[in-house]
Protein backbone atom coordinates (compact mmCIF):
# COMPACT_ATOMS: atom_id res chain seq x y z
CA UNK A 1 251.95 74.70 -106.63
CA UNK A 2 253.17 73.56 -109.88
CA UNK A 3 256.72 72.22 -110.27
CA UNK A 4 258.68 73.80 -113.00
CA UNK A 5 260.77 72.03 -115.26
CA UNK A 6 264.37 71.54 -113.91
CA UNK A 7 267.40 72.09 -115.30
CA UNK A 8 270.53 74.05 -115.60
CA UNK A 9 273.82 74.57 -116.52
CA UNK A 10 276.25 73.32 -113.92
CA UNK A 11 279.38 75.21 -115.18
CA UNK A 12 281.83 72.43 -113.09
CA UNK A 13 284.49 71.54 -115.86
CA UNK A 14 286.18 69.06 -114.49
CA UNK A 15 284.50 65.23 -113.86
CA UNK A 16 286.70 62.81 -111.66
CA UNK A 17 286.27 59.14 -110.56
CA UNK A 18 285.48 57.59 -107.12
CA UNK A 19 288.86 55.48 -107.11
CA UNK A 20 291.87 56.54 -105.28
CA UNK A 21 295.25 57.04 -107.39
CA UNK A 22 297.79 59.22 -108.06
CA UNK A 23 297.29 61.53 -111.21
CA UNK A 24 300.16 63.08 -113.60
CA UNK A 25 300.95 66.32 -114.39
CA UNK A 26 300.47 67.29 -118.52
CA UNK A 27 303.48 68.52 -120.27
CA UNK A 28 303.58 71.65 -122.66
CA UNK A 29 304.62 69.15 -125.28
CA UNK A 30 301.44 66.78 -124.67
CA UNK A 31 298.91 69.64 -124.26
CA UNK A 32 300.09 71.23 -127.81
CA UNK A 33 299.53 67.78 -129.32
CA UNK A 34 296.08 67.53 -127.75
CA UNK A 35 294.96 70.72 -128.51
CA UNK A 36 295.93 70.61 -132.23
CA UNK A 37 294.48 67.31 -132.31
CA UNK A 38 291.09 68.32 -130.89
CA UNK A 39 290.81 71.76 -132.58
CA UNK A 40 291.33 69.81 -136.16
CA UNK A 41 288.90 67.15 -135.62
CA UNK A 42 286.13 69.51 -134.08
CA UNK A 43 286.44 71.97 -136.60
CA UNK A 44 286.22 69.35 -139.47
CA UNK A 45 283.01 68.34 -137.78
CA UNK A 46 281.62 71.77 -137.65
CA UNK A 47 282.52 73.15 -140.97
CA UNK A 48 283.17 69.97 -142.82
CA UNK A 49 287.16 70.98 -143.66
CA UNK A 50 290.40 71.18 -141.96
CA UNK A 51 291.51 74.23 -140.30
CA UNK A 52 294.44 76.39 -141.82
CA UNK A 53 295.53 77.88 -138.41
CA UNK A 54 297.89 76.61 -136.46
CA UNK A 55 299.00 76.44 -132.67
CA UNK A 56 301.09 79.78 -132.11
CA UNK A 57 301.43 80.02 -128.59
CA UNK A 58 300.68 77.93 -125.37
CA UNK A 59 301.12 79.06 -121.90
CA UNK A 60 300.32 77.63 -118.38
CA UNK A 61 298.00 78.88 -116.35
CA UNK A 62 299.16 77.98 -112.39
CA UNK A 63 297.26 77.40 -109.26
CA UNK A 64 299.03 77.01 -105.85
CA UNK A 65 302.68 76.20 -107.23
CA UNK A 66 300.54 73.69 -109.46
CA UNK A 67 299.74 73.83 -113.48
CA UNK A 68 296.02 74.28 -113.65
CA UNK A 69 295.90 74.28 -117.43
CA UNK A 70 297.29 75.23 -120.82
CA UNK A 71 296.20 78.01 -123.15
CA UNK A 72 296.58 77.20 -126.65
CA UNK A 73 296.13 79.83 -129.13
CA UNK A 74 295.87 79.51 -132.85
CA UNK A 75 296.91 82.22 -135.59
CA UNK A 76 294.16 84.59 -136.71
CA UNK A 77 291.53 83.53 -133.62
CA UNK A 78 290.59 80.31 -131.54
CA UNK A 79 291.83 78.67 -128.58
CA UNK A 80 291.73 75.43 -127.03
CA UNK A 81 292.35 75.04 -123.14
CA UNK A 82 294.13 71.93 -121.80
CA UNK A 83 293.55 70.29 -118.41
CA UNK A 84 296.74 71.02 -116.28
CA UNK A 85 296.33 67.05 -114.70
CA UNK A 86 295.26 63.60 -116.40
CA UNK A 87 292.96 63.25 -113.39
CA UNK A 88 290.48 66.03 -115.10
CA UNK A 89 288.30 65.80 -118.55
CA UNK A 90 291.13 66.85 -120.91
CA UNK A 91 289.18 69.70 -122.78
CA UNK A 92 288.11 72.49 -120.50
CA UNK A 93 287.09 74.79 -123.10
CA UNK A 94 287.54 75.63 -127.09
CA UNK A 95 286.50 78.54 -129.60
CA UNK A 96 287.00 78.56 -133.65
CA UNK A 97 286.16 82.59 -133.58
CA UNK A 98 287.71 84.04 -130.39
CA UNK A 99 290.37 85.26 -129.11
CA UNK A 100 291.89 84.26 -125.01
CA UNK A 101 293.58 87.42 -124.10
CA UNK A 102 295.62 86.29 -120.76
CA UNK A 103 295.92 89.94 -119.89
CA UNK A 104 292.28 90.56 -120.48
CA UNK A 105 290.55 87.38 -119.25
CA UNK A 106 286.47 88.39 -118.58
CA UNK A 107 285.73 88.70 -114.59
CA UNK A 108 282.94 86.08 -115.18
CA UNK A 109 285.80 83.53 -117.01
CA UNK A 110 288.07 84.41 -114.10
CA UNK A 111 285.13 83.09 -111.82
CA UNK A 112 284.96 79.54 -113.55
CA UNK A 113 288.39 79.19 -114.51
CA UNK A 114 289.71 79.65 -110.47
CA UNK A 115 286.99 77.09 -109.58
CA UNK A 116 287.98 74.81 -112.50
CA UNK A 117 292.00 75.39 -110.67
CA UNK A 118 290.12 74.97 -107.23
CA UNK A 119 288.80 71.52 -108.38
CA UNK A 120 292.14 70.40 -109.70
CA UNK A 121 294.05 70.88 -107.06
CA UNK A 122 291.62 69.55 -104.37
CA UNK A 123 291.14 66.20 -106.13
CA UNK A 124 292.10 63.09 -104.75
CA UNK A 125 290.44 60.48 -107.21
CA UNK A 126 291.98 58.34 -109.93
CA UNK A 127 291.50 59.29 -113.41
CA UNK A 128 288.76 57.64 -115.54
CA UNK A 129 289.71 59.58 -118.76
CA UNK A 130 292.68 57.69 -119.45
CA UNK A 131 291.83 56.13 -122.80
CA UNK A 132 290.63 59.88 -123.60
CA UNK A 133 293.61 61.27 -123.10
CA UNK A 134 295.25 58.60 -124.91
CA UNK A 135 292.52 59.10 -127.63
CA UNK A 136 293.30 63.05 -127.91
CA UNK A 137 296.96 62.35 -127.69
CA UNK A 138 296.90 59.93 -131.08
CA UNK A 139 296.00 61.72 -134.47
CA UNK A 140 294.43 58.86 -135.93
CA UNK A 141 292.04 58.20 -133.16
CA UNK A 142 291.12 61.72 -133.54
CA UNK A 143 290.22 60.93 -137.22
CA UNK A 144 287.62 58.78 -135.89
CA UNK A 145 286.29 61.23 -133.75
CA UNK A 146 285.57 63.56 -136.92
CA UNK A 147 283.57 61.03 -138.57
CA UNK A 148 280.80 61.33 -135.62
CA UNK A 149 277.72 63.23 -136.07
CA UNK A 150 277.44 66.66 -134.20
CA UNK A 151 274.58 67.28 -131.98
CA UNK A 152 274.71 71.19 -131.42
CA UNK A 153 272.79 74.41 -131.40
CA UNK A 154 275.10 77.18 -132.95
CA UNK A 155 275.41 80.11 -130.29
CA UNK A 156 272.27 82.69 -131.60
CA UNK A 157 273.10 85.87 -129.39
CA UNK A 158 275.00 87.83 -131.87
CA UNK A 159 275.88 90.80 -129.85
CA UNK A 160 279.31 91.34 -128.41
CA UNK A 161 278.79 93.95 -125.81
CA UNK A 162 280.53 95.33 -122.65
CA UNK A 163 280.14 97.69 -119.48
CA UNK A 164 282.47 100.31 -120.46
CA UNK A 165 282.58 103.07 -122.51
CA UNK A 166 279.85 103.28 -125.38
CA UNK A 167 277.64 101.14 -122.98
CA UNK A 168 277.95 102.84 -119.76
CA UNK A 169 277.03 106.64 -120.97
CA UNK A 170 273.59 106.35 -119.24
CA UNK A 171 274.97 104.95 -115.97
CA UNK A 172 275.70 107.38 -112.60
CA UNK A 173 278.45 109.72 -113.32
CA UNK A 174 281.34 108.75 -111.47
CA UNK A 175 284.94 110.41 -112.21
CA UNK A 176 286.83 107.33 -111.53
CA UNK A 177 284.77 105.03 -114.19
CA UNK A 178 285.53 104.43 -117.95
CA UNK A 179 284.28 107.35 -119.68
CA UNK A 180 283.17 109.42 -116.44
CA UNK A 181 280.67 106.84 -115.64
CA UNK A 182 279.97 104.25 -113.31
CA UNK A 183 280.08 100.20 -115.12
CA UNK A 184 277.09 98.63 -116.42
CA UNK A 185 277.56 95.50 -114.37
CA UNK A 186 277.53 92.11 -115.55
CA UNK A 187 273.91 91.31 -114.86
CA UNK A 188 272.41 94.27 -116.83
CA UNK A 189 275.05 93.56 -119.55
CA UNK A 190 273.59 89.99 -119.81
CA UNK A 191 270.03 90.72 -119.77
CA UNK A 192 270.25 93.25 -122.11
CA UNK A 193 272.03 90.96 -124.57
CA UNK A 194 269.19 88.68 -123.94
CA UNK A 195 266.69 91.30 -124.67
CA UNK A 196 268.79 92.14 -127.82
CA UNK A 197 268.63 88.84 -129.07
CA UNK A 198 264.57 89.27 -129.45
CA UNK A 199 264.59 93.09 -130.07
CA UNK A 200 261.85 93.05 -127.63
CA UNK A 201 259.59 94.87 -126.33
CA UNK A 202 258.99 97.76 -128.68
CA UNK A 203 258.40 99.75 -125.68
CA UNK A 204 258.28 99.25 -121.74
CA UNK A 205 255.57 99.13 -119.28
CA UNK A 206 255.52 101.04 -115.76
CA UNK A 207 257.89 103.79 -114.31
CA UNK A 208 260.60 103.61 -111.67
CA UNK A 209 261.40 106.72 -109.54
CA UNK A 210 265.31 106.39 -109.66
CA UNK A 211 267.33 108.47 -107.03
CA UNK A 212 264.56 110.99 -105.71
CA UNK A 213 264.14 113.25 -108.56
CA UNK A 214 264.91 110.93 -112.28
CA UNK A 215 261.29 109.32 -113.16
CA UNK A 216 262.15 106.85 -115.81
CA UNK A 217 259.51 105.86 -117.67
CA UNK A 218 259.61 103.09 -119.32
CA UNK A 219 256.21 102.47 -120.99
CA UNK A 220 257.30 105.86 -123.19
CA UNK A 221 260.35 104.75 -123.81
CA UNK A 222 260.62 103.37 -127.47
CA UNK A 223 263.78 100.89 -127.87
CA UNK A 224 266.17 101.50 -130.90
CA UNK A 225 266.98 97.92 -131.43
CA UNK A 226 267.44 98.57 -135.50
CA UNK A 227 270.42 101.28 -134.21
CA UNK A 228 272.11 98.75 -131.80
CA UNK A 229 275.14 97.32 -133.60
CA UNK A 230 276.97 94.02 -132.65
CA UNK A 231 279.89 95.82 -130.81
CA UNK A 232 278.82 99.30 -129.16
CA UNK A 233 280.21 102.27 -131.68
CA UNK A 234 279.74 106.45 -131.61
CA UNK A 235 276.53 105.89 -133.52
CA UNK A 236 275.11 102.94 -131.59
CA UNK A 237 276.04 104.30 -128.18
CA UNK A 238 272.83 105.89 -127.35
CA UNK A 239 270.62 103.39 -127.92
CA UNK A 240 272.59 100.65 -126.11
CA UNK A 241 273.51 102.57 -123.24
CA UNK A 242 269.89 103.42 -122.59
CA UNK A 243 268.88 99.78 -122.75
CA UNK A 244 271.62 98.89 -120.43
CA UNK A 245 271.07 101.50 -117.58
CA UNK A 246 267.11 100.63 -117.52
CA UNK A 247 267.97 96.92 -117.43
CA UNK A 248 270.08 98.33 -114.23
CA UNK A 249 267.54 100.14 -112.74
CA UNK A 250 264.86 97.67 -112.82
CA UNK A 251 267.17 94.99 -110.99
CA UNK A 252 268.54 97.67 -108.60
CA UNK A 253 271.87 97.92 -109.62
CA UNK A 254 274.56 99.34 -107.29
CA UNK A 255 276.54 101.23 -109.03
CA UNK A 256 280.20 101.85 -108.77
CA UNK A 257 282.81 102.96 -111.00
CA UNK A 258 284.88 100.02 -111.44
CA UNK A 259 282.04 97.33 -110.54
CA UNK A 260 278.31 97.67 -110.46
CA UNK A 261 276.47 94.37 -108.66
CA UNK A 262 272.92 93.12 -108.01
CA UNK A 263 271.23 89.65 -107.52
CA UNK A 264 270.46 87.82 -110.55
CA UNK A 265 267.43 86.57 -109.05
CA UNK A 266 265.81 90.13 -109.77
CA UNK A 267 266.14 89.86 -113.63
CA UNK A 268 262.65 87.73 -113.98
CA UNK A 269 260.42 90.23 -112.30
CA UNK A 270 261.92 93.06 -114.31
CA UNK A 271 261.84 91.16 -117.62
CA UNK A 272 257.99 90.29 -116.96
CA UNK A 273 257.00 93.54 -114.91
CA UNK A 274 258.88 96.26 -116.77
CA UNK A 275 259.60 94.87 -120.10
CA UNK A 276 256.71 92.77 -121.13
CA UNK A 277 258.44 89.21 -121.06
CA UNK A 278 256.74 86.18 -120.76
CA UNK A 279 255.35 84.74 -116.84
CA UNK A 280 257.15 81.72 -117.54
CA UNK A 281 260.46 83.34 -117.08
CA UNK A 282 262.10 82.39 -113.81
CA UNK A 283 265.42 82.12 -111.67
CA UNK A 284 266.26 78.54 -111.31
CA UNK A 285 268.91 77.47 -108.42
CA UNK A 286 271.45 75.00 -109.36
CA UNK A 287 270.98 73.23 -105.78
CA UNK A 288 267.42 72.05 -106.35
CA UNK A 289 268.07 70.17 -109.36
CA UNK A 290 270.13 66.66 -110.37
CA UNK A 291 272.86 66.84 -112.91
CA UNK A 292 270.07 65.27 -115.31
CA UNK A 293 267.30 67.85 -114.63
CA UNK A 294 269.39 70.40 -114.91
CA UNK A 295 271.38 69.42 -118.06
CA UNK A 296 267.10 68.82 -119.36
CA UNK A 297 266.58 72.55 -118.43
CA UNK A 298 269.16 74.26 -120.51
CA UNK A 299 268.93 71.85 -123.19
CA UNK A 300 265.62 72.58 -123.58
CA UNK A 301 266.01 76.20 -123.67
CA UNK A 302 268.63 76.43 -126.14
CA UNK A 303 266.68 73.81 -128.49
CA UNK A 304 263.98 76.61 -128.23
CA UNK A 305 266.66 79.41 -128.88
CA UNK A 306 266.40 81.04 -125.46
CA UNK A 307 268.89 82.59 -124.55
CA UNK A 308 270.42 81.77 -120.78
CA UNK A 309 271.29 84.25 -118.30
CA UNK A 310 274.01 82.01 -116.31
CA UNK A 311 275.15 83.20 -112.73
CA UNK A 312 277.64 82.13 -110.01
CA UNK A 313 278.67 83.26 -107.01
CA UNK A 314 282.15 82.99 -105.12
CA UNK A 315 284.49 85.09 -102.61
CA UNK A 316 284.92 87.68 -105.02
CA UNK A 317 281.40 88.33 -105.68
CA UNK A 318 278.64 87.37 -108.11
CA UNK A 319 278.98 86.91 -112.22
CA UNK A 320 276.63 86.64 -114.64
CA UNK A 321 276.85 85.81 -118.76
CA UNK A 322 275.14 84.60 -121.80
CA UNK A 323 274.51 80.79 -122.67
CA UNK A 324 273.32 80.54 -125.96
CA UNK A 325 274.37 77.02 -127.69
CA UNK A 326 276.08 73.66 -127.51
CA UNK A 327 277.71 71.05 -129.08
CA UNK A 328 277.96 67.22 -128.30
CA UNK A 329 276.74 66.34 -124.69
CA UNK A 330 279.35 68.02 -123.05
CA UNK A 331 280.71 71.78 -124.47
CA UNK A 332 278.14 74.53 -123.71
CA UNK A 333 278.80 77.89 -125.21
CA UNK A 334 279.35 81.36 -123.34
CA UNK A 335 279.63 84.68 -123.93
CA UNK A 336 280.82 86.59 -121.40
CA UNK A 337 279.92 89.94 -121.92
CA UNK A 338 283.43 91.44 -122.53
CA UNK A 339 283.11 92.16 -126.30
CA UNK A 340 283.59 88.78 -127.39
CA UNK A 341 286.83 87.96 -125.54
CA UNK A 342 287.11 84.47 -124.64
CA UNK A 343 283.74 83.34 -125.86
CA UNK A 344 283.61 79.92 -126.61
CA UNK A 345 282.19 76.28 -125.94
CA UNK A 346 283.41 75.08 -122.10
CA UNK A 347 282.99 71.48 -120.79
CA UNK A 348 280.61 71.08 -118.18
CA UNK A 349 279.64 67.93 -115.79
CA UNK A 350 279.10 67.35 -112.06
CA UNK A 351 282.11 66.53 -110.00
CA UNK A 352 282.19 63.59 -107.85
CA UNK A 353 281.33 63.31 -104.29
CA UNK A 354 284.01 64.38 -101.88
CA UNK A 355 285.88 66.68 -104.54
CA UNK A 356 285.20 70.29 -104.53
CA UNK A 357 282.60 71.72 -106.07
CA UNK A 358 280.43 75.03 -106.85
CA UNK A 359 277.78 73.88 -108.18
CA UNK A 360 275.38 75.19 -105.28
CA UNK A 361 276.42 78.76 -105.86
CA UNK A 362 275.11 78.46 -109.21
CA UNK A 363 271.71 79.74 -111.00
CA UNK A 364 270.19 80.76 -114.36
CA UNK A 365 267.44 82.85 -115.94
CA UNK A 366 265.65 80.44 -117.61
CA UNK A 367 262.67 80.27 -120.08
CA UNK A 368 263.40 83.87 -121.61
CA UNK A 369 260.95 84.99 -124.16
CA UNK A 370 258.61 87.51 -125.34
CA UNK A 371 254.97 87.58 -123.90
CA UNK A 372 253.17 86.44 -127.33
CA UNK A 373 255.76 83.50 -127.54
CA UNK A 374 254.42 80.27 -127.86
CA UNK A 375 256.09 77.99 -125.47
CA UNK A 376 255.87 74.65 -126.84
CA UNK A 377 256.44 75.46 -130.69
CA UNK A 378 256.80 72.17 -132.45
CA UNK A 379 256.85 68.63 -131.53
CA UNK A 380 259.39 67.81 -128.43
CA UNK A 381 261.12 64.05 -129.01
CA UNK A 382 262.04 62.60 -125.04
CA UNK A 383 264.85 59.76 -125.82
CA UNK A 384 265.89 60.00 -122.13
CA UNK A 385 265.33 56.51 -120.38
CA UNK A 386 263.20 58.80 -117.65
CA UNK A 387 262.67 62.35 -117.06
CA UNK A 388 260.08 64.37 -116.09
CA UNK A 389 258.38 67.36 -118.41
CA UNK A 390 255.32 69.76 -117.75
CA UNK A 391 252.99 71.59 -120.67
CA UNK A 392 255.50 74.29 -120.39
CA UNK A 393 253.57 77.21 -118.79
CA UNK A 394 256.05 77.26 -115.77
CA UNK A 395 254.74 79.08 -112.92
CA UNK A 396 251.89 80.66 -115.16
CA UNK A 397 248.42 79.57 -116.42
CA UNK A 398 248.88 78.18 -120.32
CA UNK A 399 247.90 80.30 -123.19
CA UNK A 400 244.30 80.13 -124.88
CA UNK A 401 244.61 78.08 -128.18
CA UNK A 402 247.64 76.16 -127.23
CA UNK A 403 248.68 73.38 -129.50
CA UNK A 404 251.70 71.34 -128.17
CA UNK A 405 253.01 67.63 -128.74
CA UNK A 406 255.52 65.29 -127.13
CA UNK A 407 257.25 62.03 -128.19
CA UNK A 408 258.65 59.65 -125.67
CA UNK A 409 260.70 57.51 -127.70
CA UNK A 410 264.10 56.07 -125.96
CA UNK A 411 265.98 53.38 -127.75
CA UNK A 412 266.24 49.58 -126.90
CA UNK A 413 263.25 49.70 -124.45
CA UNK A 414 259.88 47.35 -123.81
CA UNK A 415 257.68 49.93 -122.01
CA UNK A 416 256.83 52.85 -120.84
CA UNK A 417 255.05 53.98 -117.49
CA UNK A 418 253.61 57.39 -117.82
CA UNK A 419 252.51 58.98 -114.17
CA UNK A 420 251.10 62.72 -114.06
CA UNK A 421 252.19 63.98 -110.69
CA UNK A 422 250.10 67.70 -111.00
CA UNK A 423 246.75 68.47 -113.36
CA UNK A 424 244.65 71.17 -114.12
CA UNK A 425 242.56 72.02 -117.41
CA UNK A 426 239.57 73.80 -118.15
CA UNK A 427 237.11 70.83 -117.83
CA UNK A 428 235.52 69.36 -121.37
CA UNK A 429 237.54 71.97 -123.30
CA UNK A 430 241.09 71.72 -122.98
CA UNK A 431 242.55 68.11 -123.30
CA UNK A 432 245.72 66.40 -122.82
CA UNK A 433 245.87 62.78 -124.84
CA UNK A 434 248.20 59.90 -124.90
CA UNK A 435 248.58 57.82 -127.86
CA UNK A 436 249.78 54.03 -127.28
CA UNK A 437 252.27 54.87 -130.41
CA UNK A 438 254.79 57.17 -132.24
CA UNK A 439 251.99 59.63 -133.65
CA UNK A 440 248.06 60.63 -133.16
CA UNK A 441 247.22 57.65 -135.54
CA UNK A 442 248.30 55.22 -132.69
CA UNK A 443 245.33 53.83 -130.64
CA UNK A 444 244.25 56.16 -128.25
CA UNK A 445 244.90 55.13 -124.43
CA UNK A 446 242.61 58.14 -122.87
CA UNK A 447 241.70 62.28 -123.31
CA UNK A 448 241.92 64.15 -120.07
CA UNK A 449 240.86 67.20 -118.90
CA UNK A 450 239.83 68.77 -115.56
CA UNK A 451 241.81 68.62 -112.23
CA UNK A 452 241.78 64.82 -111.69
CA UNK A 453 245.14 62.64 -111.94
CA UNK A 454 244.67 61.03 -115.07
CA UNK A 455 245.45 56.83 -113.90
CA UNK A 456 249.08 55.73 -114.15
CA UNK A 457 249.56 54.73 -118.16
CA UNK A 458 251.54 51.79 -119.45
CA UNK A 459 252.13 51.92 -122.77
CA UNK A 460 252.36 48.27 -125.04
CA UNK A 461 255.41 49.22 -126.98
CA UNK A 462 258.55 51.48 -126.86
CA UNK A 463 256.76 54.61 -127.63
CA UNK A 464 254.12 57.24 -126.37
CA UNK A 465 252.51 60.13 -127.96
CA UNK A 466 251.14 63.23 -126.28
CA UNK A 467 249.10 66.20 -127.29
CA UNK A 468 247.91 69.06 -125.27
CA UNK A 469 245.05 71.49 -126.76
CA UNK A 470 243.28 74.44 -125.54
CA UNK A 471 240.55 76.58 -126.51
CA UNK A 472 240.11 80.24 -126.88
CA UNK A 473 238.54 80.59 -123.40
CA UNK A 474 239.45 80.13 -119.64
CA UNK A 475 242.99 78.42 -118.49
CA UNK A 476 244.35 76.46 -115.64
CA UNK A 477 247.74 75.20 -114.48
CA UNK A 478 248.43 72.59 -117.18
CA UNK A 479 250.27 69.79 -116.12
CA UNK A 480 253.42 68.07 -114.77
CA UNK A 481 254.14 64.36 -115.41
CA UNK A 482 257.31 62.17 -115.61
CA UNK A 483 258.18 58.51 -117.23
CA UNK A 484 260.13 55.48 -116.60
CA UNK A 485 261.03 52.83 -118.90
CA UNK A 486 261.66 48.81 -119.37
CA UNK A 487 265.11 48.66 -121.18
CA UNK A 488 265.93 45.47 -122.79
CA UNK A 489 268.13 43.31 -120.60
CA UNK A 490 267.97 41.68 -117.34
CA UNK A 491 270.19 42.37 -113.92
CA UNK A 492 272.88 39.82 -115.58
CA UNK A 493 274.23 38.53 -118.64
CA UNK A 494 276.14 35.09 -118.24
CA UNK A 495 278.15 34.72 -121.59
CA UNK A 496 278.85 31.45 -120.65
CA UNK A 497 279.53 29.78 -117.35
CA UNK A 498 282.37 31.45 -116.36
CA UNK A 499 282.11 34.99 -117.69
CA UNK A 500 279.89 37.69 -116.85
CA UNK A 501 278.94 41.15 -117.15
CA UNK A 502 276.79 43.40 -114.70
CA UNK A 503 275.22 45.55 -114.02
CA UNK A 504 272.71 45.40 -116.94
CA UNK A 505 271.54 48.32 -117.25
CA UNK A 506 274.68 50.37 -116.84
CA UNK A 507 275.36 53.93 -116.21
CA UNK A 508 279.16 54.39 -115.91
CA UNK A 509 280.95 51.25 -115.05
CA UNK A 510 281.11 48.07 -116.51
CA UNK A 511 282.28 45.00 -114.74
CA UNK A 512 283.33 41.64 -116.24
CA UNK A 513 283.91 38.71 -114.11
CA UNK A 514 285.94 35.96 -115.10
CA UNK A 515 284.93 33.61 -112.24
CA UNK A 516 286.79 30.54 -112.48
CA UNK A 517 289.06 31.21 -115.64
CA UNK A 518 292.73 30.96 -115.09
CA UNK A 519 295.37 33.08 -116.60
CA UNK A 520 293.57 35.20 -119.05
CA UNK A 521 294.87 36.95 -121.81
CA UNK A 522 292.99 38.58 -123.99
CA UNK A 523 291.01 41.87 -125.71
CA UNK A 524 287.41 43.39 -125.30
CA UNK A 525 285.83 45.08 -128.06
CA UNK A 526 282.02 47.20 -127.78
CA UNK A 527 280.26 47.89 -131.12
CA UNK A 528 277.03 50.22 -131.10
CA UNK A 529 273.49 49.26 -132.65
CA UNK A 530 275.09 50.21 -136.15
CA UNK A 531 278.21 47.74 -135.71
CA UNK A 532 280.68 50.76 -135.40
CA UNK A 533 283.60 49.80 -132.99
CA UNK A 534 283.42 52.34 -130.34
CA UNK A 535 285.62 50.86 -127.81
CA UNK A 536 288.59 47.97 -128.27
CA UNK A 537 291.33 47.76 -125.31
CA UNK A 538 293.17 44.72 -123.39
CA UNK A 539 291.24 43.52 -120.88
CA UNK A 540 293.07 44.04 -117.64
CA UNK A 541 292.16 41.66 -114.78
CA UNK A 542 292.70 42.47 -111.13
CA UNK A 543 293.47 39.59 -108.57
CA UNK A 544 289.53 39.06 -107.94
CA UNK A 545 289.42 38.13 -111.55
CA UNK A 546 287.42 41.22 -112.17
CA UNK A 547 287.76 43.93 -115.14
CA UNK A 548 286.42 47.34 -114.93
CA UNK A 549 285.45 49.49 -118.17
CA UNK A 550 284.76 52.58 -118.00
CA UNK A 551 281.65 53.49 -120.43
CA UNK A 552 280.57 57.16 -119.32
CA UNK A 553 281.68 58.23 -122.32
CA UNK A 554 279.12 56.48 -124.63
CA UNK A 555 276.22 58.15 -125.41
CA UNK A 556 272.88 56.32 -124.30
CA UNK A 557 271.72 53.29 -125.89
CA UNK A 558 272.14 49.44 -126.90
CA UNK A 559 275.60 47.75 -127.34
CA UNK A 560 277.20 44.54 -128.26
CA UNK A 561 280.61 43.51 -126.10
CA UNK A 562 282.65 40.86 -127.30
CA UNK A 563 285.71 39.74 -125.11
CA UNK A 564 288.36 37.38 -126.66
CA UNK A 565 291.34 35.38 -125.60
CA UNK A 566 292.79 32.33 -124.46
CA UNK A 567 291.02 30.84 -127.65
CA UNK A 568 287.86 31.52 -126.51
CA UNK A 569 285.06 33.64 -127.95
CA UNK A 570 282.05 35.53 -125.58
CA UNK A 571 279.59 37.69 -127.00
CA UNK A 572 276.68 39.46 -125.03
CA UNK A 573 274.76 42.67 -125.03
CA UNK A 574 274.00 45.58 -122.59
CA UNK A 575 271.98 48.87 -122.40
CA UNK A 576 273.84 52.09 -121.06
CA UNK A 577 271.46 54.47 -119.90
């Protein structure tokens, strides 16, 4: 069986370190200062101007007798959610264009935030974010942040739909429900919003005999996409309610007046079988993926503007919502399906081992696209130091007349080792070609077809370019592959006979050993490849004459490090993976 590209959005919003220590509660004054500094700097990065809004309210949200987080709202619209404990990443969520109504928090957002609170409450690990808390508290430091380029995909699902009146008109009658009907259910609302993004299909397929006497003929139903508005109103309610009900029926919704439930795992079949969506649509379970694979999966979908139906489950049941954008490497945009309330960017990262985690109760419906969509439109540039990828067809056969390409080009590497793990194309007709360079003008390493695995390929330099083309007849399963890179660097770098840094390459924690140097008093600075100072601090040395620098917030790349003090200057380089 083919291996599907792995990835997903773990919604665990707090990351902790592995070193035990005490944490400090965050005061109202500190939370407000950080919220305003972050809001202003991030707003400038997005829009190029400073916001005119000011923080008007800040409210603590408590969990088990402790402040879990602070919600800071701004005049007109916008909010920032700040962690209530400095053991956690400072910013939990934010928005420039949505309100966060404490009296009307969406159920899916409640699920998310409750789990965040549990994470904070049960953490016994030391903070690895002391520098970030200090930075976000310093307006001048935040001014430096606003000059950084912003990697982002803006939210592309424009609807702000809900589950009640004007959305549930076609749902089963129930006098206890809003407007005398059962609610649509969060799965149906998320599914319908994803379909509205594409305005697809024109009409459905097949039929379902519902409740014994109602036969819903999807084949004869032409969906009134042009009549569907951002928010449902009296003129658009019929068109939206029809779509909502049809989505619910196809996933076997268990309707109720206050909540309607089903399994998100049923969405892919419904989209493919009843609504003519691409056979690559799949439900992916978070627990089967590494953090990196999950992140790649989410970003690949969002980069192609494929909306994601994200789901999570807890003691109070399951929840589903839309993921449709990101900013930087750690904030993803969520549309909670609650008339736009609380929509925004939320911090996501994995919890460290030993802490409370709810990752394994999450999943996504990915690769949502119409049947005739090109699943590899445009070229894909891969800059990770290692990753898995495939032709993009997932469990289905690849399309005829496919023309895809991939560039493997991480920074600061010496060579790339490419390994195919599955391979099945029409022999002598559909080809995967690998070039030893940045494009198809580079030397051809090999051109492969059929069902035999190509040999392991090693580049002569720091780039590989792949193309995949198919003709107009016959198809196959395609391919899966992975690559590893040799990064410029060695296992450890000796600055001189007394000082060394390790490991190199490094992921999160860089150690500086002073060996036999006594009474060190100095500083350390780190610069990126453009010469920009990205880290500066006093070099704090423990009893073993070792200093730990947390570089988890630095993006992957090549860096120079300088340690100076005691009338000495030491320089070296390292690679952040």
